[in-house]
Amino acid sequence: MTDFPTKGEDLKISLRNSNLPQFDYEFALMVKEDHPAIWKTGGNIRGNDAFRLWTKARQGDESPSVLDWIKERESWGARHGGDGSQFPEDSPTKSNISGVVASMKWGVILDIGESLMKEMVRELIEKDEGSEDYRTTKSNTMERRFISTKIESRQDTPETQDEQRVEGYASVFNQSTDIGGFTESIGENAFQDVMNDDVRMLFNHDPNFPLARSRNGEGTLDMKVDENGVFFSFPVGPQTYAKDLHESIKRGDVDEASFAFTVMEDEWEERDGKPHRHITRLGQLIDLSVCTYGAYQQTEVMVRSLPEIPLQENKNNEMETEQKRDRLKWGQSMLELQKLKQQS
């Protein structure tokens, strides 16, 4: 019994027997190869893997990993069919197109239909290529961001015999946050290259109070990327400060988290009259931290690490260029006037 395409059915596992019609593969490939900035906006690490497996499935590959993916595609499509429902009322941007692009990577046609999916992507491509304010930057400066998250303590129970753990989100994807001088969001693929970095979980950013550690994806700190963001989990250690923190979390006294990082790639655009930064790729994930005073630390620590705004620099350059044009026009006018006087 294959339980495909739905439980209780016994059809051969193949794209041909799927309940989900395939998206236009050539269109998806065009976006991937010709417009990588848009391609990066949708799907997490599994989404990128999905396109690779979809390609193999189309080529007739029947290896276990491909067959497992074909079955996974059925459940993924059932969960995400309603993505992109904001279109066509909303204009496509790199932030709100993510669901459409992710679906393309899975080869799934959303409820809004293939034609509208393509139309929104084409519109974004035209907008992206015609944008003069668009900037991509790279920085090795360490930055830190804070999030008011639901940090929880998972209790030891006789039924599960689980160890006591602290869990929560260190970062949430595609949520616009007002940083002050600009707004900022983080893409699903931003953490793709840093999940195996040597990362410490600290208390209040203090290296003297380590709580857990992940190195090459192994250790006492578990980190995983899901559709919401970067989820962390670690066991409560034997240290006195770790146990004290655990009690504070259970009481609800501590509910802030932060992460320190460097940026490899980001994109700048103007959104609602304000510069917006969308981080697409991190260079390094340095540490995660459970915080007591997240809001205070945000004013003291984060502001010092904020990047320069290339968009604003671009506008200043445009103003300077315009002023130079005006001076040149004025000089040319004066020269023409002088010639007329000489002729008369």
C-alpha atoms as a PDB file:
ATOM      1  CA  MET A   1       0.000   0.000   0.000  1.00  0.00           C
ATOM      2  CA  THR A   2       1.584   3.286  -1.143  1.00  0.00           C
ATOM      3  CA  ASP A   3      -1.001   5.602   0.475  1.00  0.00           C
ATOM      4  CA  PHE A   4      -0.587   7.799  -2.588  1.00  0.00           C
ATOM      5  CA  PRO A   5      -1.786  10.307  -3.556  1.00  0.00           C
ATOM      6  CA  THR A   6      -3.909  10.160  -0.401  1.00  0.00           C
ATOM      7  CA  LYS A   7      -4.044   7.777   2.532  1.00  0.00           C
ATOM      8  CA  GLY A   8      -5.754   4.515   1.601  1.00  0.00           C
ATOM      9  CA  GLU A   9      -4.950   4.787  -2.101  1.00  0.00           C
ATOM     10  CA  ASP A  10      -2.402   2.517  -3.738  1.00  0.00           C
ATOM     11  CA  LEU A  11      -1.243   4.282  -6.883  1.00  0.00           C
ATOM     12  CA  LYS A  12       2.355   4.334  -8.026  1.00  0.00           C
ATOM     13  CA  ILE A  13       4.229   7.261  -6.480  1.00  0.00           C
ATOM     14  CA  SER A  14       4.835   9.627  -9.383  1.00  0.00           C
ATOM     15  CA  LEU A  15       4.118  13.182 -10.431  1.00  0.00           C
ATOM     16  CA  ARG A  16       1.711  11.825 -13.028  1.00  0.00           C
ATOM     17  CA  ASN A  17      -0.486  10.302 -10.304  1.00  0.00           C
ATOM     18  CA  SER A  18      -0.345  13.391  -8.089  1.00  0.00           C
ATOM     19  CA  ASN A  19      -3.517  15.294  -7.209  1.00  0.00           C
ATOM     20  CA  LEU A  20      -1.527  18.517  -7.730  1.00  0.00           C
ATOM     21  CA  PRO A  21      -0.899  19.714 -11.291  1.00  0.00           C
ATOM     22  CA  GLN A  22       2.641  20.877 -11.920  1.00  0.00           C
ATOM     23  CA  PHE A  23       3.625  24.511 -12.231  1.00  0.00           C
ATOM     24  CA  ASP A  24       5.386  25.641 -15.423  1.00  0.00           C
ATOM     25  CA  TYR A  25       8.894  24.262 -14.849  1.00  0.00           C
ATOM     26  CA  GLU A  26      10.543  26.394 -17.553  1.00  0.00           C
ATOM     27  CA  PHE A  27       9.132  29.584 -16.020  1.00  0.00           C
ATOM     28  CA  ALA A  28      10.410  28.595 -12.562  1.00  0.00           C
ATOM     29  CA  LEU A  29      13.833  27.772 -14.027  1.00  0.00           C
ATOM     30  CA  MET A  30      13.928  31.176 -15.751  1.00  0.00           C
ATOM     31  CA  VAL A  31      13.304  32.959 -12.449  1.00  0.00           C
ATOM     32  CA  LYS A  32      15.937  30.841 -10.705  1.00  0.00           C
ATOM     33  CA  GLU A  33      18.652  31.481 -13.284  1.00  0.00           C
ATOM     34  CA  ASP A  34      17.875  35.027 -14.447  1.00  0.00           C
ATOM     35  CA  HIS A  35      16.436  36.637 -11.314  1.00  0.00           C
ATOM     36  CA  PRO A  36      18.191  35.125  -8.271  1.00  0.00           C
ATOM     37  CA  ALA A  37      17.210  38.039  -5.995  1.00  0.00           C
ATOM     38  CA  ILE A  38      13.544  37.186  -6.526  1.00  0.00           C
ATOM     39  CA  TRP A  39      14.194  33.429  -6.389  1.00  0.00           C
ATOM     40  CA  LYS A  40      15.756  33.843  -2.932  1.00  0.00           C
ATOM     41  CA  THR A  41      12.632  35.446  -1.497  1.00  0.00           C
ATOM     42  CA  GLY A  42      10.625  32.221  -1.278  1.00  0.00           C
ATOM     43  CA  GLY A  43      11.101  28.941   0.506  1.00  0.00           C
ATOM     44  CA  ASN A  44      13.471  27.806   3.226  1.00  0.00           C
ATOM     45  CA  ILE A  45      16.354  25.364   2.866  1.00  0.00           C
ATOM     46  CA  ARG A  46      13.914  22.531   2.151  1.00  0.00           C
ATOM     47  CA  GLY A  47      12.298  24.668  -0.541  1.00  0.00           C
ATOM     48  CA  ASN A  48      15.584  24.973  -2.411  1.00  0.00           C
ATOM     49  CA  ASP A  49      16.069  21.240  -2.064  1.00  0.00           C
ATOM     50  CA  ALA A  50      12.526  20.749  -3.375  1.00  0.00           C
ATOM     51  CA  PHE A  51      13.341  22.319  -6.726  1.00  0.00           C
ATOM     52  CA  ARG A  52      16.348  20.029  -7.114  1.00  0.00           C
ATOM     53  CA  LEU A  53      14.216  16.976  -6.339  1.00  0.00           C
ATOM     54  CA  TRP A  54      11.438  18.195  -8.631  1.00  0.00           C
ATOM     55  CA  THR A  55      13.992  18.402 -11.432  1.00  0.00           C
ATOM     56  CA  LYS A  56      15.080  14.817 -10.750  1.00  0.00           C
ATOM     57  CA  ALA A  57      11.478  13.600 -10.605  1.00  0.00           C
ATOM     58  CA  ARG A  58      10.780  15.154 -14.010  1.00  0.00           C
ATOM     59  CA  GLN A  59      13.793  13.274 -15.349  1.00  0.00           C
ATOM     60  CA  GLY A  60      12.315   9.969 -14.197  1.00  0.00           C
ATOM     61  CA  ASP A  61      14.461   9.496 -11.100  1.00  0.00           C
ATOM     62  CA  GLU A  62      12.753   6.977  -8.770  1.00  0.00           C
ATOM     63  CA  SER A  63      15.281   6.984  -5.955  1.00  0.00           C
ATOM     64  CA  PRO A  64      13.870   6.836  -2.395  1.00  0.00           C
ATOM     65  CA  SER A  65      14.646  10.512  -1.732  1.00  0.00           C
ATOM     66  CA  VAL A  66      12.720  11.588  -4.837  1.00  0.00           C
ATOM     67  CA  LEU A  67       9.738   9.326  -4.090  1.00  0.00           C
ATOM     68  CA  ASP A  68       9.626  10.604  -0.508  1.00  0.00           C
ATOM     69  CA  TRP A  69       9.649  14.160  -1.844  1.00  0.00           C
ATOM     70  CA  ILE A  70       6.768  13.455  -4.240  1.00  0.00           C
ATOM     71  CA  LYS A  71       4.677  12.280  -1.280  1.00  0.00           C
ATOM     72  CA  GLU A  72       5.800  15.265   0.782  1.00  0.00           C
ATOM     73  CA  ARG A  73       4.759  17.549  -2.070  1.00  0.00           C
ATOM     74  CA  GLU A  74       1.163  16.391  -1.694  1.00  0.00           C
ATOM     75  CA  SER A  75       0.992  17.448   1.950  1.00  0.00           C
ATOM     76  CA  TRP A  76       2.945  20.665   1.288  1.00  0.00           C
ATOM     77  CA  GLY A  77       0.507  21.668  -1.431  1.00  0.00           C
ATOM     78  CA  ALA A  78      -2.486  20.954   0.802  1.00  0.00           C
ATOM     79  CA  ARG A  79      -1.045  23.218   3.534  1.00  0.00           C
ATOM     80  CA  HIS A  80       0.015  26.105   1.306  1.00  0.00           C
ATOM     81  CA  GLY A  81      -2.671  26.226  -1.378  1.00  0.00           C
ATOM     82  CA  GLY A  82      -4.054  29.480   0.026  1.00  0.00           C
ATOM     83  CA  ASP A  83      -0.719  31.319  -0.115  1.00  0.00           C
ATOM     84  CA  GLY A  84      -0.665  34.395  -2.321  1.00  0.00           C
ATOM     85  CA  SER A  85      -4.321  35.231  -1.655  1.00  0.00           C
ATOM     86  CA  GLN A  86      -3.342  38.903  -1.274  1.00  0.00           C
ATOM     87  CA  PHE A  87      -2.928  39.113  -5.035  1.00  0.00           C
ATOM     88  CA  PRO A  88      -3.943  40.840  -7.245  1.00  0.00           C
ATOM     89  CA  GLU A  89      -5.245  43.417  -4.749  1.00  0.00           C
ATOM     90  CA  ASP A  90      -1.709  43.975  -3.388  1.00  0.00           C
ATOM     91  CA  SER A  91       1.204  44.973  -5.581  1.00  0.00           C
ATOM     92  CA  PRO A  92       4.002  42.354  -5.547  1.00  0.00           C
ATOM     93  CA  THR A  93       7.144  43.090  -3.514  1.00  0.00           C
ATOM     94  CA  LYS A  94      10.093  40.966  -2.433  1.00  0.00           C
ATOM     95  CA  SER A  95       8.413  40.555   0.953  1.00  0.00           C
ATOM     96  CA  ASN A  96       4.927  39.449  -0.086  1.00  0.00           C
ATOM     97  CA  ILE A  97       5.894  37.353  -3.140  1.00  0.00           C
ATOM     98  CA  SER A  98       7.608  34.713  -0.980  1.00  0.00           C
ATOM     99  CA  GLY A  99       4.644  32.317  -0.889  1.00  0.00           C
ATOM    100  CA  VAL A 100       4.339  32.349  -4.671  1.00  0.00           C
ATOM    101  CA  VAL A 101       8.069  31.737  -5.196  1.00  0.00           C
ATOM    102  CA  ALA A 102       8.119  28.951  -2.587  1.00  0.00           C
ATOM    103  CA  SER A 103       5.237  27.252  -4.390  1.00  0.00           C
ATOM    104  CA  MET A 104       7.139  27.512  -7.675  1.00  0.00           C
ATOM    105  CA  LYS A 105      10.071  25.706  -6.056  1.00  0.00           C
ATOM    106  CA  TRP A 106       7.748  22.863  -5.072  1.00  0.00           C
ATOM    107  CA  GLY A 107       6.188  22.819  -8.533  1.00  0.00           C
ATOM    108  CA  VAL A 108       2.759  23.515  -7.028  1.00  0.00           C
ATOM    109  CA  ILE A 109       0.046  25.766  -8.469  1.00  0.00           C
ATOM    110  CA  LEU A 110      -1.639  27.860  -5.768  1.00  0.00           C
ATOM    111  CA  ASP A 111      -5.381  28.452  -5.499  1.00  0.00           C
ATOM    112  CA  ILE A 112      -4.951  31.856  -7.182  1.00  0.00           C
ATOM    113  CA  GLY A 113      -3.941  30.023 -10.362  1.00  0.00           C
ATOM    114  CA  GLU A 114      -0.787  29.708 -12.432  1.00  0.00           C
ATOM    115  CA  SER A 115      -1.558  32.715 -14.633  1.00  0.00           C
ATOM    116  CA  LEU A 116      -1.836  35.134 -11.711  1.00  0.00           C
ATOM    117  CA  MET A 117       1.288  33.662 -10.085  1.00  0.00           C
ATOM    118  CA  LYS A 118       3.260  34.349 -13.261  1.00  0.00           C
ATOM    119  CA  GLU A 119       1.734  37.791 -13.674  1.00  0.00           C
ATOM    120  CA  MET A 120       2.782  38.853 -10.177  1.00  0.00           C
ATOM    121  CA  VAL A 121       6.319  37.522 -10.656  1.00  0.00           C
ATOM    122  CA  ARG A 122       6.650  39.274 -14.033  1.00  0.00           C
ATOM    123  CA  GLU A 123       5.425  42.526 -12.501  1.00  0.00           C
ATOM    124  CA  LEU A 124       8.015  42.252  -9.727  1.00  0.00           C
ATOM    125  CA  ILE A 125      10.761  41.491 -12.266  1.00  0.00           C
ATOM    126  CA  GLU A 126       9.879  44.635 -14.226  1.00  0.00           C
ATOM    127  CA  LYS A 127       9.714  46.682 -11.050  1.00  0.00           C
ATOM    128  CA  ASP A 128      13.032  45.298  -9.803  1.00  0.00           C
ATOM    129  CA  GLU A 129      14.855  45.897 -13.068  1.00  0.00           C
ATOM    130  CA  GLY A 130      13.473  49.422 -13.382  1.00  0.00           C
ATOM    131  CA  SER A 131      14.233  50.496  -9.824  1.00  0.00           C
ATOM    132  CA  GLU A 132      16.922  53.166  -9.551  1.00  0.00           C
ATOM    133  CA  ASP A 133      16.870  53.093  -5.767  1.00  0.00           C
ATOM    134  CA  TYR A 134      17.669  49.379  -5.533  1.00  0.00           C
ATOM    135  CA  ARG A 135      20.917  48.572  -3.730  1.00  0.00           C
ATOM    136  CA  THR A 136      22.706  45.414  -2.603  1.00  0.00           C
ATOM    137  CA  THR A 137      25.294  45.771   0.131  1.00  0.00           C
ATOM    138  CA  LYS A 138      27.728  43.589   2.050  1.00  0.00           C
ATOM    139  CA  SER A 139      29.078  44.201   5.533  1.00  0.00           C
ATOM    140  CA  ASN A 140      31.361  42.385   7.968  1.00  0.00           C
ATOM    141  CA  THR A 141      30.174  44.513  10.892  1.00  0.00           C
ATOM    142  CA  MET A 142      28.501  42.555  13.676  1.00  0.00           C
ATOM    143  CA  GLU A 143      24.849  43.502  14.114  1.00  0.00           C
ATOM    144  CA  ARG A 144      22.336  42.448  16.746  1.00  0.00           C
ATOM    145  CA  ARG A 145      18.549  42.234  16.561  1.00  0.00           C
ATOM    146  CA  PHE A 146      16.012  41.651  19.315  1.00  0.00           C
ATOM    147  CA  ILE A 147      12.684  39.893  19.269  1.00  0.00           C
ATOM    148  CA  SER A 148       9.895  39.680  21.827  1.00  0.00           C
ATOM    149  CA  THR A 149       9.300  35.976  21.490  1.00  0.00           C
ATOM    150  CA  LYS A 150       7.479  33.287  23.368  1.00  0.00           C
ATOM    151  CA  ILE A 151      10.319  31.602  25.215  1.00  0.00           C
ATOM    152  CA  GLU A 152       8.966  28.528  26.936  1.00  0.00           C
ATOM    153  CA  SER A 153      10.151  25.977  29.433  1.00  0.00           C
ATOM    154  CA  ARG A 154       9.313  22.410  28.500  1.00  0.00           C
ATOM    155  CA  GLN A 155       8.773  20.528  31.702  1.00  0.00           C
ATOM    156  CA  ASP A 156       9.914  17.054  32.605  1.00  0.00           C
ATOM    157  CA  THR A 157       6.883  14.753  32.773  1.00  0.00           C
ATOM    158  CA  PRO A 158       6.538  11.127  33.894  1.00  0.00           C
ATOM    159  CA  GLU A 159       4.916  10.283  30.536  1.00  0.00           C
ATOM    160  CA  THR A 160       7.653  11.621  28.287  1.00  0.00           C
ATOM    161  CA  GLN A 161      10.648  11.693  30.611  1.00  0.00           C
ATOM    162  CA  ASP A 162      11.850  14.706  28.619  1.00  0.00           C
ATOM    163  CA  GLU A 163      14.617  16.799  30.069  1.00  0.00           C
ATOM    164  CA  GLN A 164      13.801  20.369  30.987  1.00  0.00           C
ATOM    165  CA  ARG A 165      14.467  22.600  28.006  1.00  0.00           C
ATOM    166  CA  VAL A 166      14.187  26.228  26.965  1.00  0.00           C
ATOM    167  CA  GLU A 167      12.683  26.855  23.530  1.00  0.00           C
ATOM    168  CA  GLY A 168      11.740  29.830  21.364  1.00  0.00           C
ATOM    169  CA  TYR A 169      12.405  31.767  18.170  1.00  0.00           C
ATOM    170  CA  ALA A 170      15.525  33.849  17.684  1.00  0.00           C
ATOM    171  CA  SER A 171      14.356  35.327  14.371  1.00  0.00           C
ATOM    172  CA  VAL A 172      11.084  35.495  12.435  1.00  0.00           C
ATOM    173  CA  PHE A 173      11.010  35.674   8.651  1.00  0.00           C
ATOM    174  CA  ASN A 174       9.482  38.376   6.457  1.00  0.00           C
ATOM    175  CA  GLN A 175       8.149  40.535   9.260  1.00  0.00           C
ATOM    176  CA  SER A 176       8.886  44.204   8.721  1.00  0.00           C
ATOM    177  CA  THR A 177      10.394  45.844  11.812  1.00  0.00           C
ATOM    178  CA  ASP A 178      10.891  49.574  12.267  1.00  0.00           C
ATOM    179  CA  ILE A 179      14.553  49.980  13.234  1.00  0.00           C
ATOM    180  CA  GLY A 180      14.359  53.764  13.417  1.00  0.00           C
ATOM    181  CA  GLY A 181      15.977  55.194  10.300  1.00  0.00           C
ATOM    182  CA  PHE A 182      14.632  52.348   8.176  1.00  0.00           C
ATOM    183  CA  THR A 183      12.479  49.224   8.262  1.00  0.00           C
ATOM    184  CA  GLU A 184      13.936  45.743   7.987  1.00  0.00           C
ATOM    185  CA  SER A 185      12.907  42.168   7.229  1.00  0.00           C
ATOM    186  CA  ILE A 186      14.770  38.868   6.995  1.00  0.00           C
ATOM    187  CA  GLY A 187      14.226  36.361   4.190  1.00  0.00           C
ATOM    188  CA  GLU A 188      13.657  32.626   4.614  1.00  0.00           C
ATOM    189  CA  ASN A 189      16.979  31.773   2.993  1.00  0.00           C
ATOM    190  CA  ALA A 190      19.084  34.227   4.995  1.00  0.00           C
ATOM    191  CA  PHE A 191      20.316  31.538   7.409  1.00  0.00           C
ATOM    192  CA  GLN A 192      20.979  28.920   4.755  1.00  0.00           C
ATOM    193  CA  ASP A 193      24.787  29.143   4.955  1.00  0.00           C
ATOM    194  CA  VAL A 194      25.235  29.705   8.701  1.00  0.00           C
ATOM    195  CA  MET A 195      23.335  26.927  10.469  1.00  0.00           C
ATOM    196  CA  ASN A 196      26.563  24.962  10.929  1.00  0.00           C
ATOM    197  CA  ASP A 197      28.494  27.916  12.375  1.00  0.00           C
ATOM    198  CA  ASP A 198      29.988  27.769  15.858  1.00  0.00           C
ATOM    199  CA  VAL A 199      27.131  29.438  17.760  1.00  0.00           C
ATOM    200  CA  ARG A 200      26.780  30.016  21.498  1.00  0.00           C
ATOM    201  CA  MET A 201      23.544  30.560  23.384  1.00  0.00           C
ATOM    202  CA  LEU A 202      24.256  33.214  26.020  1.00  0.00           C
ATOM    203  CA  PHE A 203      22.414  34.867  28.875  1.00  0.00           C
ATOM    204  CA  ASN A 204      22.162  38.644  28.434  1.00  0.00           C
ATOM    205  CA  HIS A 205      24.838  38.583  25.677  1.00  0.00           C
ATOM    206  CA  ASP A 206      27.471  37.785  28.306  1.00  0.00           C
ATOM    207  CA  PRO A 207      30.106  35.218  27.204  1.00  0.00           C
ATOM    208  CA  ASN A 208      30.699  34.489  30.888  1.00  0.00           C
ATOM    209  CA  PHE A 209      27.235  32.895  31.037  1.00  0.00           C
ATOM    210  CA  PRO A 210      27.077  30.289  28.254  1.00  0.00           C
ATOM    211  CA  LEU A 211      23.897  28.204  28.171  1.00  0.00           C
ATOM    212  CA  ALA A 212      24.481  25.953  25.154  1.00  0.00           C
ATOM    213  CA  ARG A 213      26.524  25.612  21.982  1.00  0.00           C
ATOM    214  CA  SER A 214      26.107  24.351  18.434  1.00  0.00           C
ATOM    215  CA  ARG A 215      29.098  23.484  16.279  1.00  0.00           C
ATOM    216  CA  ASN A 216      28.721  21.936  12.827  1.00  0.00           C
ATOM    217  CA  GLY A 217      25.051  21.389  13.624  1.00  0.00           C
ATOM    218  CA  GLU A 218      25.831  19.340  16.733  1.00  0.00           C
ATOM    219  CA  GLY A 219      25.984  20.076  20.438  1.00  0.00           C
ATOM    220  CA  THR A 220      23.681  21.123  23.244  1.00  0.00           C
ATOM    221  CA  LEU A 221      22.044  23.922  21.220  1.00  0.00           C
ATOM    222  CA  ASP A 222      19.481  22.712  18.698  1.00  0.00           C
ATOM    223  CA  MET A 223      18.676  25.182  15.917  1.00  0.00           C
ATOM    224  CA  LYS A 224      16.376  24.599  12.984  1.00  0.00           C
ATOM    225  CA  VAL A 225      14.809  26.702  10.268  1.00  0.00           C
ATOM    226  CA  ASP A 226      11.078  26.284   9.750  1.00  0.00           C
ATOM    227  CA  GLU A 227       8.479  28.287   7.833  1.00  0.00           C
ATOM    228  CA  ASN A 228       8.228  30.825  10.673  1.00  0.00           C
ATOM    229  CA  GLY A 229      11.874  31.526  11.480  1.00  0.00           C
ATOM    230  CA  VAL A 230      14.875  30.155  13.374  1.00  0.00           C
ATOM    231  CA  PHE A 231      13.760  27.976  16.278  1.00  0.00           C
ATOM    232  CA  PHE A 232      16.125  27.160  19.137  1.00  0.00           C
ATOM    233  CA  SER A 233      15.984  24.614  21.932  1.00  0.00           C
ATOM    234  CA  PHE A 234      18.494  23.701  24.625  1.00  0.00           C
ATOM    235  CA  PRO A 235      18.497  21.686  27.860  1.00  0.00           C
ATOM    236  CA  VAL A 236      18.722  23.492  31.185  1.00  0.00           C
ATOM    237  CA  GLY A 237      22.312  23.038  32.333  1.00  0.00           C
ATOM    238  CA  PRO A 238      23.581  22.285  35.839  1.00  0.00           C
ATOM    239  CA  GLN A 239      24.956  25.811  36.339  1.00  0.00           C
ATOM    240  CA  THR A 240      23.292  27.905  39.022  1.00  0.00           C
ATOM    241  CA  TYR A 241      22.667  30.802  36.611  1.00  0.00           C
ATOM    242  CA  ALA A 242      21.060  28.406  34.108  1.00  0.00           C
ATOM    243  CA  LYS A 243      18.668  27.096  36.739  1.00  0.00           C
ATOM    244  CA  ASP A 244      17.880  30.623  37.913  1.00  0.00           C
ATOM    245  CA  LEU A 245      17.144  31.660  34.330  1.00  0.00           C
ATOM    246  CA  HIS A 246      14.911  28.639  33.903  1.00  0.00           C
ATOM    247  CA  GLU A 247      12.851  29.700  36.904  1.00  0.00           C
ATOM    248  CA  SER A 248      12.590  33.258  35.566  1.00  0.00           C
ATOM    249  CA  ILE A 249      11.328  31.962  32.215  1.00  0.00           C
ATOM    250  CA  LYS A 250       8.723  29.782  33.912  1.00  0.00           C
ATOM    251  CA  ARG A 251       7.536  32.825  35.877  1.00  0.00           C
ATOM    252  CA  GLY A 252       7.321  34.904  32.705  1.00  0.00           C
ATOM    253  CA  ASP A 253       9.957  37.376  33.883  1.00  0.00           C
ATOM    254  CA  VAL A 254      12.196  36.752  30.839  1.00  0.00           C
ATOM    255  CA  ASP A 255      10.731  36.615  27.327  1.00  0.00           C
ATOM    256  CA  GLU A 256      13.222  38.355  25.040  1.00  0.00           C
ATOM    257  CA  ALA A 257      15.736  36.854  22.639  1.00  0.00           C
ATOM    258  CA  SER A 258      18.346  38.249  20.278  1.00  0.00           C
ATOM    259  CA  PHE A 259      20.920  37.096  17.771  1.00  0.00           C
ATOM    260  CA  ALA A 260      24.221  38.566  16.596  1.00  0.00           C
ATOM    261  CA  PHE A 261      25.266  38.252  12.960  1.00  0.00           C
ATOM    262  CA  THR A 262      27.057  39.712   9.977  1.00  0.00           C
ATOM    263  CA  VAL A 263      25.405  40.315   6.619  1.00  0.00           C
ATOM    264  CA  MET A 264      26.645  38.880   3.343  1.00  0.00           C
ATOM    265  CA  GLU A 265      23.834  40.168   1.126  1.00  0.00           C
ATOM    266  CA  ASP A 266      20.926  42.535   1.599  1.00  0.00           C
ATOM    267  CA  GLU A 267      18.639  44.552  -0.625  1.00  0.00           C
ATOM    268  CA  TRP A 268      17.467  48.127  -0.164  1.00  0.00           C
ATOM    269  CA  GLU A 269      14.389  49.759  -1.581  1.00  0.00           C
ATOM    270  CA  GLU A 270      12.043  52.571  -0.711  1.00  0.00           C
ATOM    271  CA  ARG A 271       8.808  51.383   0.891  1.00  0.00           C
ATOM    272  CA  ASP A 272       6.048  53.747   1.984  1.00  0.00           C
ATOM    273  CA  GLY A 273       8.441  56.672   1.729  1.00  0.00           C
ATOM    274  CA  LYS A 274      11.058  55.062   3.969  1.00  0.00           C
ATOM    275  CA  PRO A 275      14.212  53.017   3.249  1.00  0.00           C
ATOM    276  CA  HIS A 276      13.598  49.285   3.683  1.00  0.00           C
ATOM    277  CA  ARG A 277      16.304  46.673   4.100  1.00  0.00           C
ATOM    278  CA  HIS A 278      15.641  43.020   3.284  1.00  0.00           C
ATOM    279  CA  ILE A 279      18.398  40.690   4.504  1.00  0.00           C
ATOM    280  CA  THR A 280      18.783  37.813   2.066  1.00  0.00           C
ATOM    281  CA  ARG A 281      21.984  36.127   3.253  1.00  0.00           C
ATOM    282  CA  LEU A 282      23.947  36.164   6.497  1.00  0.00           C
ATOM    283  CA  GLY A 283      27.714  35.996   6.477  1.00  0.00           C
ATOM    284  CA  GLN A 284      28.045  34.603  10.001  1.00  0.00           C
ATOM    285  CA  LEU A 285      25.750  33.698  12.888  1.00  0.00           C
ATOM    286  CA  ILE A 286      27.736  34.656  15.986  1.00  0.00           C
ATOM    287  CA  ASP A 287      25.499  34.002  18.965  1.00  0.00           C
ATOM    288  CA  LEU A 288      21.944  33.751  20.261  1.00  0.00           C
ATOM    289  CA  SER A 289      20.940  35.204  23.595  1.00  0.00           C
ATOM    290  CA  VAL A 290      18.101  35.069  26.089  1.00  0.00           C
ATOM    291  CA  CYS A 291      17.646  38.609  27.403  1.00  0.00           C
ATOM    292  CA  THR A 292      16.239  40.227  30.510  1.00  0.00           C
ATOM    293  CA  TYR A 293      16.032  43.773  29.163  1.00  0.00           C
ATOM    294  CA  GLY A 294      15.593  43.416  25.438  1.00  0.00           C
ATOM    295  CA  ALA A 295      14.067  46.838  24.871  1.00  0.00           C
ATOM    296  CA  TYR A 296      16.813  48.666  26.786  1.00  0.00           C
ATOM    297  CA  GLN A 297      19.522  46.679  25.084  1.00  0.00           C
ATOM    298  CA  GLN A 298      17.964  47.535  21.751  1.00  0.00           C
ATOM    299  CA  THR A 299      18.666  51.217  22.312  1.00  0.00           C
ATOM    300  CA  GLU A 300      22.181  50.655  23.666  1.00  0.00           C
ATOM    301  CA  VAL A 301      23.546  47.741  21.650  1.00  0.00           C
ATOM    302  CA  MET A 302      21.596  47.496  18.418  1.00  0.00           C
ATOM    303  CA  VAL A 303      21.702  51.137  17.413  1.00  0.00           C
ATOM    304  CA  ARG A 304      25.496  51.134  17.560  1.00  0.00           C
ATOM    305  CA  SER A 305      25.551  48.246  15.089  1.00  0.00           C
ATOM    306  CA  LEU A 306      23.102  49.613  12.535  1.00  0.00           C
ATOM    307  CA  PRO A 307      24.368  49.739   8.937  1.00  0.00           C
ATOM    308  CA  GLU A 308      24.594  52.833   6.815  1.00  0.00           C
ATOM    309  CA  ILE A 309      21.624  53.329   4.539  1.00  0.00           C
ATOM    310  CA  PRO A 310      22.800  53.123   0.920  1.00  0.00           C
ATOM    311  CA  LEU A 311      19.415  54.276  -0.293  1.00  0.00           C
ATOM    312  CA  GLN A 312      19.823  57.598   1.455  1.00  0.00           C
ATOM    313  CA  GLU A 313      23.351  57.939   0.118  1.00  0.00           C
ATOM    314  CA  ASN A 314      21.988  57.298  -3.339  1.00  0.00           C
ATOM    315  CA  LYS A 315      19.407  60.052  -2.919  1.00  0.00           C
ATOM    316  CA  ASN A 316      22.079  62.477  -1.764  1.00  0.00           C
ATOM    317  CA  ASN A 317      24.152  61.620  -4.816  1.00  0.00           C
ATOM    318  CA  GLU A 318      21.127  62.176  -7.016  1.00  0.00           C
ATOM    319  CA  MET A 319      20.563  65.577  -5.418  1.00  0.00           C
ATOM    320  CA  GLU A 320      24.217  66.509  -5.958  1.00  0.00           C
ATOM    321  CA  THR A 321      24.012  65.372  -9.591  1.00  0.00           C
ATOM    322  CA  GLU A 322      20.844  67.399 -10.110  1.00  0.00           C
ATOM    323  CA  GLN A 323      22.507  70.460  -8.616  1.00  0.00           C
ATOM    324  CA  LYS A 324      25.471  70.021 -10.968  1.00  0.00           C
ATOM    325  CA  ARG A 325      23.082  69.788 -13.920  1.00  0.00           C
ATOM    326  CA  ASP A 326      21.365  72.996 -12.806  1.00  0.00           C
ATOM    327  CA  ARG A 327      24.707  74.821 -12.550  1.00  0.00           C
ATOM    328  CA  LEU A 328      25.726  73.526 -15.976  1.00  0.00           C
ATOM    329  CA  LYS A 329      22.427  74.655 -17.504  1.00  0.00           C
ATOM    330  CA  TRP A 330      22.816  78.074 -15.889  1.00  0.00           C
ATOM    331  CA  GLY A 331      26.367  78.385 -17.261  1.00  0.00           C
ATOM    332  CA  GLN A 332      25.225  77.388 -20.748  1.00  0.00           C
ATOM    333  CA  SER A 333      22.390  79.912 -20.598  1.00  0.00           C
ATOM    334  CA  MET A 334      24.783  82.682 -19.575  1.00  0.00           C
ATOM    335  CA  LEU A 335      27.118  81.713 -22.433  1.00  0.00           C
ATOM    336  CA  GLU A 336      24.274  81.846 -24.974  1.00  0.00           C
ATOM    337  CA  LEU A 337      23.168  85.201 -23.584  1.00  0.00           C
ATOM    338  CA  GLN A 338      26.700  86.572 -23.944  1.00  0.00           C
ATOM    339  CA  LYS A 339      26.836  85.381 -27.577  1.00  0.00           C
ATOM    340  CA  LEU A 340      23.546  87.128 -28.343  1.00  0.00           C
ATOM    341  CA  LYS A 341      24.847  90.355 -26.840  1.00  0.00           C
ATOM    342  CA  GLN A 342      28.011  90.161 -28.949  1.00  0.00           C
ATOM    343  CA  GLN A 343      25.985  89.557 -32.137  1.00  0.00           C
ATOM    344  CA  SER A 344      23.772  92.554 -31.443  1.00  0.00           C
END
